[in-house]
Amino acid sequence: MATIASIEHKSAGFSAAGLLSPLRAIGRFMVMMAEASPQMRALNRLSQLSDEDLAVRGLTREGEVRRILGGASVL
């Protein structure tokens, strides 16, 4: 009969993951803030409409993106 033993070694030294975790948290927070903006919500609603739906309303996707983003949009 064979027995297998595994031993886990924990290092008390340098950990890149430990140094990067605050940066990841900041990145997640920034994405969360961007997704909560009114512009992003409007763009999400726009993306759910088909081109045909927009055409029925007399709108274009590019025109709506320009309207939502104002002067900040560059297509």
PDB file of N, CA and C in Angstrom:
ATOM      1  N   MET A   1       0.849  -1.171   0.000  1.00  0.00           N
ATOM      2  CA  MET A   1       0.000   0.000   0.000  1.00  0.00           C
ATOM      3  C   MET A   1       0.894   1.233   0.000  1.00  0.00           C
ATOM      4  N   ALA A   2       0.499   2.232  -0.833  1.00  0.00           N
ATOM      5  CA  ALA A   2       1.289   3.456  -0.967  1.00  0.00           C
ATOM      6  C   ALA A   2       0.597   4.607  -0.250  1.00  0.00           C
ATOM      7  N   THR A   3       1.392   5.472   0.310  1.00  0.00           N
ATOM      8  CA  THR A   3       0.875   6.650   0.996  1.00  0.00           C
ATOM      9  C   THR A   3       1.512   7.884   0.374  1.00  0.00           C
ATOM     10  N   ILE A   4       0.680   8.882   0.108  1.00  0.00           N
ATOM     11  CA  ILE A   4       1.184  10.132  -0.465  1.00  0.00           C
ATOM     12  C   ILE A   4       0.986  11.238   0.557  1.00  0.00           C
ATOM     13  N   ALA A   5       2.040  11.981   0.801  1.00  0.00           N
ATOM     14  CA  ALA A   5       1.961  13.098   1.738  1.00  0.00           C
ATOM     15  C   ALA A   5       2.290  14.374   0.988  1.00  0.00           C
ATOM     16  N   SER A   6       1.521  15.397   1.226  1.00  0.00           N
ATOM     17  CA  SER A   6       1.849  16.690   0.618  1.00  0.00           C
ATOM     18  C   SER A   6       2.107  17.691   1.734  1.00  0.00           C
ATOM     19  N   ILE A   7       3.120  18.494   1.516  1.00  0.00           N
ATOM     20  CA  ILE A   7       3.509  19.488   2.506  1.00  0.00           C
ATOM     21  C   ILE A   7       3.441  20.850   1.831  1.00  0.00           C
ATOM     22  N   GLU A   8       2.723  21.760   2.454  1.00  0.00           N
ATOM     23  CA  GLU A   8       2.593  23.105   1.905  1.00  0.00           C
ATOM     24  C   GLU A   8       3.555  24.028   2.635  1.00  0.00           C
ATOM     25  N   HIS A   9       4.390  24.702   1.855  1.00  0.00           N
ATOM     26  CA  HIS A   9       5.342  25.639   2.433  1.00  0.00           C
ATOM     27  C   HIS A   9       4.848  27.052   2.203  1.00  0.00           C
ATOM     28  N   LYS A  10       4.729  27.808   3.253  1.00  0.00           N
ATOM     29  CA  LYS A  10       4.339  29.209   3.136  1.00  0.00           C
ATOM     30  C   LYS A  10       5.582  30.061   3.285  1.00  0.00           C
ATOM     31  N   SER A  11       5.753  30.948   2.318  1.00  0.00           N
ATOM     32  CA  SER A  11       6.917  31.816   2.333  1.00  0.00           C
ATOM     33  C   SER A  11       6.574  33.115   3.052  1.00  0.00           C
ATOM     34  N   ALA A  12       7.449  33.549   3.903  1.00  0.00           N
ATOM     35  CA  ALA A  12       7.250  34.810   4.614  1.00  0.00           C
ATOM     36  C   ALA A  12       7.957  35.949   3.891  1.00  0.00           C
ATOM     37  N   GLY A  13       8.465  35.653   2.697  1.00  0.00           N
ATOM     38  CA  GLY A  13       9.239  36.643   1.953  1.00  0.00           C
ATOM     39  C   GLY A  13       8.388  37.495   1.036  1.00  0.00           C
ATOM     40  N   PHE A  14       9.007  37.957  -0.015  1.00  0.00           N
ATOM     41  CA  PHE A  14       8.426  38.857  -0.995  1.00  0.00           C
ATOM     42  C   PHE A  14       7.256  38.196  -1.727  1.00  0.00           C
ATOM     43  N   SER A  15       6.181  38.957  -1.891  1.00  0.00           N
ATOM     44  CA  SER A  15       5.024  38.461  -2.621  1.00  0.00           C
ATOM     45  C   SER A  15       4.544  39.543  -3.579  1.00  0.00           C
ATOM     46  N   ALA A  16       4.638  39.279  -4.885  1.00  0.00           N
ATOM     47  CA  ALA A  16       4.176  40.249  -5.882  1.00  0.00           C
ATOM     48  C   ALA A  16       2.669  40.433  -5.784  1.00  0.00           C
ATOM     49  N   ALA A  17       1.954  39.362  -5.491  1.00  0.00           N
ATOM     50  CA  ALA A  17       0.497  39.455  -5.379  1.00  0.00           C
ATOM     51  C   ALA A  17       0.103  40.409  -4.248  1.00  0.00           C
ATOM     52  N   GLY A  18       0.854  40.388  -3.182  1.00  0.00           N
ATOM     53  CA  GLY A  18       0.569  41.292  -2.060  1.00  0.00           C
ATOM     54  C   GLY A  18       0.779  42.748  -2.427  1.00  0.00           C
ATOM     55  N   LEU A  19       1.767  43.002  -3.267  1.00  0.00           N
ATOM     56  CA  LEU A  19       2.022  44.379  -3.692  1.00  0.00           C
ATOM     57  C   LEU A  19       1.008  44.859  -4.727  1.00  0.00           C
ATOM     58  N   LEU A  20       0.510  43.950  -5.540  1.00  0.00           N
ATOM     59  CA  LEU A  20      -0.414  44.326  -6.607  1.00  0.00           C
ATOM     60  C   LEU A  20      -1.866  44.429  -6.149  1.00  0.00           C
ATOM     61  N   SER A  21      -2.220  43.830  -5.043  1.00  0.00           N
ATOM     62  CA  SER A  21      -3.618  43.826  -4.614  1.00  0.00           C
ATOM     63  C   SER A  21      -4.195  45.227  -4.398  1.00  0.00           C
ATOM     64  N   PRO A  22      -3.470  46.192  -3.819  1.00  0.00           N
ATOM     65  CA  PRO A  22      -4.052  47.540  -3.708  1.00  0.00           C
ATOM     66  C   PRO A  22      -4.297  48.179  -5.080  1.00  0.00           C
ATOM     67  N   LEU A  23      -3.411  47.920  -6.034  1.00  0.00           N
ATOM     68  CA  LEU A  23      -3.604  48.473  -7.373  1.00  0.00           C
ATOM     69  C   LEU A  23      -4.810  47.842  -8.051  1.00  0.00           C
ATOM     70  N   ARG A  24      -5.005  46.554  -7.856  1.00  0.00           N
ATOM     71  CA  ARG A  24      -6.185  45.896  -8.420  1.00  0.00           C
ATOM     72  C   ARG A  24      -7.460  46.460  -7.806  1.00  0.00           C
ATOM     73  N   ALA A  25      -7.443  46.710  -6.507  1.00  0.00           N
ATOM     74  CA  ALA A  25      -8.621  47.273  -5.838  1.00  0.00           C
ATOM     75  C   ALA A  25      -8.932  48.666  -6.377  1.00  0.00           C
ATOM     76  N   ILE A  26      -7.911  49.468  -6.584  1.00  0.00           N
ATOM     77  CA  ILE A  26      -8.111  50.809  -7.142  1.00  0.00           C
ATOM     78  C   ILE A  26      -8.681  50.703  -8.556  1.00  0.00           C
ATOM     79  N   GLY A  27      -8.166  49.786  -9.347  1.00  0.00           N
ATOM     80  CA  GLY A  27      -8.662  49.580 -10.701  1.00  0.00           C
ATOM     81  C   GLY A  27     -10.116  49.155 -10.716  1.00  0.00           C
ATOM     82  N   ARG A  28     -10.483  48.219  -9.838  1.00  0.00           N
ATOM     83  CA  ARG A  28     -11.885  47.781  -9.753  1.00  0.00           C
ATOM     84  C   ARG A  28     -12.787  48.931  -9.347  1.00  0.00           C
ATOM     85  N   PHE A  29     -12.332  49.780  -8.421  1.00  0.00           N
ATOM     86  CA  PHE A  29     -13.117  50.932  -7.981  1.00  0.00           C
ATOM     87  C   PHE A  29     -13.325  51.916  -9.133  1.00  0.00           C
ATOM     88  N   MET A  30     -12.276  52.162  -9.913  1.00  0.00           N
ATOM     89  CA  MET A  30     -12.387  53.101 -11.034  1.00  0.00           C
ATOM     90  C   MET A  30     -13.359  52.582 -12.098  1.00  0.00           C
ATOM     91  N   VAL A  31     -13.318  51.285 -12.369  1.00  0.00           N
ATOM     92  CA  VAL A  31     -14.257  50.695 -13.325  1.00  0.00           C
ATOM     93  C   VAL A  31     -15.677  50.814 -12.793  1.00  0.00           C
ATOM     94  N   MET A  32     -15.865  50.550 -11.509  1.00  0.00           N
ATOM     95  CA  MET A  32     -17.190  50.655 -10.903  1.00  0.00           C
ATOM     96  C   MET A  32     -17.731  52.079 -11.011  1.00  0.00           C
ATOM     97  N   MET A  33     -16.888  53.066 -10.783  1.00  0.00           N
ATOM     98  CA  MET A  33     -17.312  54.468 -10.886  1.00  0.00           C
ATOM     99  C   MET A  33     -17.672  54.818 -12.329  1.00  0.00           C
ATOM    100  N   ALA A  34     -16.886  54.352 -13.287  1.00  0.00           N
ATOM    101  CA  ALA A  34     -17.163  54.649 -14.688  1.00  0.00           C
ATOM    102  C   ALA A  34     -18.475  54.005 -15.127  1.00  0.00           C
ATOM    103  N   GLU A  35     -18.720  52.784 -14.686  1.00  0.00           N
ATOM    104  CA  GLU A  35     -19.947  52.099 -15.076  1.00  0.00           C
ATOM    105  C   GLU A  35     -21.176  52.712 -14.437  1.00  0.00           C
ATOM    106  N   ALA A  36     -21.022  53.427 -13.340  1.00  0.00           N
ATOM    107  CA  ALA A  36     -22.153  54.046 -12.660  1.00  0.00           C
ATOM    108  C   ALA A  36     -22.510  55.410 -13.246  1.00  0.00           C
ATOM    109  N   SER A  37     -21.714  55.922 -14.166  1.00  0.00           N
ATOM    110  CA  SER A  37     -21.974  57.259 -14.701  1.00  0.00           C
ATOM    111  C   SER A  37     -23.229  57.260 -15.571  1.00  0.00           C
ATOM    112  N   PRO A  38     -23.938  58.373 -15.619  1.00  0.00           N
ATOM    113  CA  PRO A  38     -25.133  58.475 -16.464  1.00  0.00           C
ATOM    114  C   PRO A  38     -24.821  58.237 -17.941  1.00  0.00           C
ATOM    115  N   GLN A  39     -23.650  58.677 -18.389  1.00  0.00           N
ATOM    116  CA  GLN A  39     -23.283  58.457 -19.789  1.00  0.00           C
ATOM    117  C   GLN A  39     -23.152  56.975 -20.092  1.00  0.00           C
ATOM    118  N   MET A  40     -22.523  56.228 -19.216  1.00  0.00           N
ATOM    119  CA  MET A  40     -22.350  54.797 -19.440  1.00  0.00           C
ATOM    120  C   MET A  40     -23.696  54.088 -19.426  1.00  0.00           C
ATOM    121  N   ARG A  41     -24.583  54.493 -18.529  1.00  0.00           N
ATOM    122  CA  ARG A  41     -25.916  53.873 -18.507  1.00  0.00           C
ATOM    123  C   ARG A  41     -26.658  54.164 -19.799  1.00  0.00           C
ATOM    124  N   ALA A  42     -26.551  55.397 -20.314  1.00  0.00           N
ATOM    125  CA  ALA A  42     -27.202  55.744 -21.577  1.00  0.00           C
ATOM    126  C   ALA A  42     -26.605  54.951 -22.738  1.00  0.00           C
ATOM    127  N   LEU A  43     -25.296  54.765 -22.742  1.00  0.00           N
ATOM    128  CA  LEU A  43     -24.660  53.981 -23.793  1.00  0.00           C
ATOM    129  C   LEU A  43     -25.081  52.514 -23.714  1.00  0.00           C
ATOM    130  N   ASN A  44     -25.258  52.000 -22.514  1.00  0.00           N
ATOM    131  CA  ASN A  44     -25.733  50.620 -22.362  1.00  0.00           C
ATOM    132  C   ASN A  44     -27.150  50.475 -22.911  1.00  0.00           C
ATOM    133  N   ARG A  45     -28.011  51.465 -22.626  1.00  0.00           N
ATOM    134  CA  ARG A  45     -29.374  51.424 -23.167  1.00  0.00           C
ATOM    135  C   ARG A  45     -29.342  51.496 -24.693  1.00  0.00           C
ATOM    136  N   LEU A  46     -28.474  52.353 -25.230  1.00  0.00           N
ATOM    137  CA  LEU A  46     -28.336  52.486 -26.676  1.00  0.00           C
ATOM    138  C   LEU A  46     -27.881  51.176 -27.304  1.00  0.00           C
ATOM    139  N   SER A  47     -26.974  50.481 -26.657  1.00  0.00           N
ATOM    140  CA  SER A  47     -26.457  49.231 -27.222  1.00  0.00           C
ATOM    141  C   SER A  47     -27.523  48.143 -27.261  1.00  0.00           C
ATOM    142  N   GLN A  48     -28.567  48.278 -26.453  1.00  0.00           N
ATOM    143  CA  GLN A  48     -29.641  47.293 -26.450  1.00  0.00           C
ATOM    144  C   GLN A  48     -30.640  47.520 -27.582  1.00  0.00           C
ATOM    145  N   LEU A  49     -30.590  48.689 -28.224  1.00  0.00           N
ATOM    146  CA  LEU A  49     -31.491  48.990 -29.333  1.00  0.00           C
ATOM    147  C   LEU A  49     -30.875  48.515 -30.639  1.00  0.00           C
ATOM    148  N   SER A  50     -31.703  47.988 -31.517  1.00  0.00           N
ATOM    149  CA  SER A  50     -31.215  47.584 -32.833  1.00  0.00           C
ATOM    150  C   SER A  50     -31.152  48.813 -33.744  1.00  0.00           C
ATOM    151  N   ASP A  51     -30.426  48.676 -34.833  1.00  0.00           N
ATOM    152  CA  ASP A  51     -30.351  49.762 -35.807  1.00  0.00           C
ATOM    153  C   ASP A  51     -31.731  50.051 -36.398  1.00  0.00           C
ATOM    154  N   GLU A  52     -32.548  49.030 -36.529  1.00  0.00           N
ATOM    155  CA  GLU A  52     -33.902  49.215 -37.049  1.00  0.00           C
ATOM    156  C   GLU A  52     -34.748  50.043 -36.082  1.00  0.00           C
ATOM    157  N   ASP A  53     -34.624  49.759 -34.779  1.00  0.00           N
ATOM    158  CA  ASP A  53     -35.356  50.542 -33.776  1.00  0.00           C
ATOM    159  C   ASP A  53     -34.954  52.011 -33.841  1.00  0.00           C
ATOM    160  N   LEU A  54     -33.669  52.251 -33.999  1.00  0.00           N
ATOM    161  CA  LEU A  54     -33.195  53.631 -34.093  1.00  0.00           C
ATOM    162  C   LEU A  54     -33.706  54.296 -35.362  1.00  0.00           C
ATOM    163  N   ALA A  55     -33.717  53.566 -36.465  1.00  0.00           N
ATOM    164  CA  ALA A  55     -34.183  54.122 -37.737  1.00  0.00           C
ATOM    165  C   ALA A  55     -35.656  54.498 -37.663  1.00  0.00           C
ATOM    166  N   VAL A  56     -36.456  53.681 -36.969  1.00  0.00           N
ATOM    167  CA  VAL A  56     -37.880  53.992 -36.799  1.00  0.00           C
ATOM    168  C   VAL A  56     -38.043  55.325 -36.069  1.00  0.00           C
ATOM    169  N   ARG A  57     -37.146  55.599 -35.146  1.00  0.00           N
ATOM    170  CA  ARG A  57     -37.192  56.851 -34.380  1.00  0.00           C
ATOM    171  C   ARG A  57     -36.504  58.000 -35.111  1.00  0.00           C
ATOM    172  N   GLY A  58     -35.939  57.708 -36.277  1.00  0.00           N
ATOM    173  CA  GLY A  58     -35.247  58.738 -37.051  1.00  0.00           C
ATOM    174  C   GLY A  58     -33.874  59.078 -36.486  1.00  0.00           C
ATOM    175  N   LEU A  59     -33.246  58.115 -35.829  1.00  0.00           N
ATOM    176  CA  LEU A  59     -31.951  58.332 -35.194  1.00  0.00           C
ATOM    177  C   LEU A  59     -30.898  57.413 -35.798  1.00  0.00           C
ATOM    178  N   THR A  60     -29.653  57.781 -35.630  1.00  0.00           N
ATOM    179  CA  THR A  60     -28.542  56.901 -35.999  1.00  0.00           C
ATOM    180  C   THR A  60     -27.733  56.602 -34.741  1.00  0.00           C
ATOM    181  N   ARG A  61     -27.055  55.477 -34.759  1.00  0.00           N
ATOM    182  CA  ARG A  61     -26.241  55.095 -33.606  1.00  0.00           C
ATOM    183  C   ARG A  61     -25.123  56.114 -33.386  1.00  0.00           C
ATOM    184  N   GLU A  62     -24.460  56.521 -34.464  1.00  0.00           N
ATOM    185  CA  GLU A  62     -23.379  57.506 -34.343  1.00  0.00           C
ATOM    186  C   GLU A  62     -23.891  58.829 -33.787  1.00  0.00           C
ATOM    187  N   GLY A  63     -25.045  59.256 -34.264  1.00  0.00           N
ATOM    188  CA  GLY A  63     -25.624  60.508 -33.772  1.00  0.00           C
ATOM    189  C   GLY A  63     -25.962  60.446 -32.293  1.00  0.00           C
ATOM    190  N   GLU A  64     -26.481  59.299 -31.872  1.00  0.00           N
ATOM    191  CA  GLU A  64     -26.820  59.142 -30.462  1.00  0.00           C
ATOM    192  C   GLU A  64     -25.578  59.085 -29.583  1.00  0.00           C
ATOM    193  N   VAL A  65     -24.527  58.432 -30.076  1.00  0.00           N
ATOM    194  CA  VAL A  65     -23.280  58.395 -29.306  1.00  0.00           C
ATOM    195  C   VAL A  65     -22.740  59.813 -29.163  1.00  0.00           C
ATOM    196  N   ARG A  66     -22.774  60.574 -30.227  1.00  0.00           N
ATOM    197  CA  ARG A  66     -22.309  61.969 -30.150  1.00  0.00           C
ATOM    198  C   ARG A  66     -23.166  62.789 -29.183  1.00  0.00           C
ATOM    199  N   ARG A  67     -24.490  62.561 -29.214  1.00  0.00           N
ATOM    200  CA  ARG A  67     -25.382  63.283 -28.306  1.00  0.00           C
ATOM    201  C   ARG A  67     -25.076  62.926 -26.855  1.00  0.00           C
ATOM    202  N   ILE A  68     -24.889  61.628 -26.585  1.00  0.00           N
ATOM    203  CA  ILE A  68     -24.671  61.161 -25.204  1.00  0.00           C
ATOM    204  C   ILE A  68     -23.323  61.663 -24.683  1.00  0.00           C
ATOM    205  N   LEU A  69     -22.291  61.542 -25.506  1.00  0.00           N
ATOM    206  CA  LEU A  69     -20.955  61.900 -25.043  1.00  0.00           C
ATOM    207  C   LEU A  69     -20.619  63.374 -25.250  1.00  0.00           C
ATOM    208  N   GLY A  70     -21.443  64.080 -25.993  1.00  0.00           N
ATOM    209  CA  GLY A  70     -21.165  65.493 -26.248  1.00  0.00           C
ATOM    210  C   GLY A  70     -19.917  65.651 -27.075  1.00  0.00           C
ATOM    211  N   GLY A  71     -19.096  66.622 -26.763  1.00  0.00           N
ATOM    212  CA  GLY A  71     -17.877  66.872 -27.508  1.00  0.00           C
ATOM    213  C   GLY A  71     -16.767  65.894 -27.210  1.00  0.00           C
ATOM    214  N   ALA A  72     -16.998  64.984 -26.248  1.00  0.00           N
ATOM    215  CA  ALA A  72     -15.952  64.051 -25.858  1.00  0.00           C
ATOM    216  C   ALA A  72     -15.825  62.871 -26.807  1.00  0.00           C
ATOM    217  N   SER A  73     -16.804  62.704 -27.736  1.00  0.00           N
ATOM    218  CA  SER A  73     -16.752  61.528 -28.597  1.00  0.00           C
ATOM    219  C   SER A  73     -15.920  61.779 -29.838  1.00  0.00           C
ATOM    220  N   VAL A  74     -15.132  60.801 -30.165  1.00  0.00           N
ATOM    221  CA  VAL A  74     -14.352  60.831 -31.392  1.00  0.00           C
ATOM    222  C   VAL A  74     -14.593  59.506 -32.082  1.00  0.00           C
ATOM    223  N   LEU A  75     -15.254  59.545 -33.217  1.00  0.00           N
ATOM    224  CA  LEU A  75     -15.556  58.289 -33.928  1.00  0.00           C
ATOM    225  C   LEU A  75     -14.613  58.078 -35.061  1.00  0.00           C
TER     226      LEU A  75
END
